[in-house]
Amino acid sequence: MALDRLIEKIVEKQNPTVAGLDPKLSYIPDFIKEEAFAKYGKTLEGAAEAILVYNKALIDALCDIVPAVKPQAAYYEMYGWQGVRVLTETIAYAKSKGMFVITDGKRNDIGTTMEAYATAHLGVTDVDGTEATAFGADALTVNGYLGADGIVPVINVSKKMDTGMFVLVKTSNPSSGELQNLELEGSETIYLHMGNLCEEWGKELMGKYGYSGVGAVVGATYPQQLTELRKELTHTFFLVPGYGAQGGTAKDIAGAFDSNGLGAIVNSSRGIMCAWQKEDGCKPEDFAAAARREAEKMKKLLTDVTGEIKLP
């Protein structure tokens, strides 16, 4: 099961971090942009070239200490098909370096349309009898608010391809409570109900370490709910956004982990990608090394909370 591979990488590196690859041109040092624009002009192709160079350098700097990356699809789609090509190449490059790849697409539809999303991001596409990989990620973020009709197609593809998903449960954004905190009959919140559905759906993709291939997105910005959900959702692995730039700290996410230091992987995007812009005296040419230093600091803070991370 796909998340078994993620768990093994976390234990191997003693690091429950996923580096978000959400590139904007303003994050990229001028010398990279200037070289790309010299080749292709200030065009979508030029922007895509700069992003790819930047991403590859970050992956090279992080791959031996960080188990996973999480490219956010929107940051690539904004640069047109050229950006989408870079998403594909970024996924392939990260996987070639041994990293687990979570595509953050928050896809949401039903039936054959959701099957098409799952096939695109996690499966293989039939081209007149020949199979081809479109994106090839290991996991995909999914919006579950259409119910099982939007989840089962992803489960079916995941069974065939040894992939998985993370379903939005309690998201890190300030307005998430407008819907997710509402109470149903019996005072169960919507976010807890969605989490319980993940537990049920996950029975189809159970792994050997007690967690299923149906994970949950639970934000670092809501420590109380994070702790509550960890106690309730014993077979559901968490993807935790909201650390760093959104205000979440290592102490805030202590409740996300089980007694083995497992149960969650914590995302940092701008904190790692833009470390060179925040580090005193850092030269632009040292951007990748700065990202590595930031990742090492994050690892230390997280493992101070988890302790030694062990397989069950």
Foldseek 3Di string as FASTA:
>chain_A
DLVVLVLVLCQVLVFLAAEELQDDPVLADPVLLVVLCVVVNPALLSVLSSSLVLLLLLLVLPLNRHAAYEYEVVSQCVSPVSSVVSLQVSQVSNVVSRHAYEYEDQDEDFDPVLLVVLCQQDHWDQDPNDTHHNRHHQEYEYECVVDPRNVVSNLVRCVVRVHAYAYEQAAQDPCSCVQQQDADPPRHGNSLVVLVVLLVVQVSAADPQQAGRYAYEHELNQLVVLLVSCVVNVRHAYEYECPDPNDGFLVSNLSQADLLLGRYRYYDYCQLSNQQVVDPPRDSVCSSVSSSVSSVVRSVRNCVSSPNHDGD
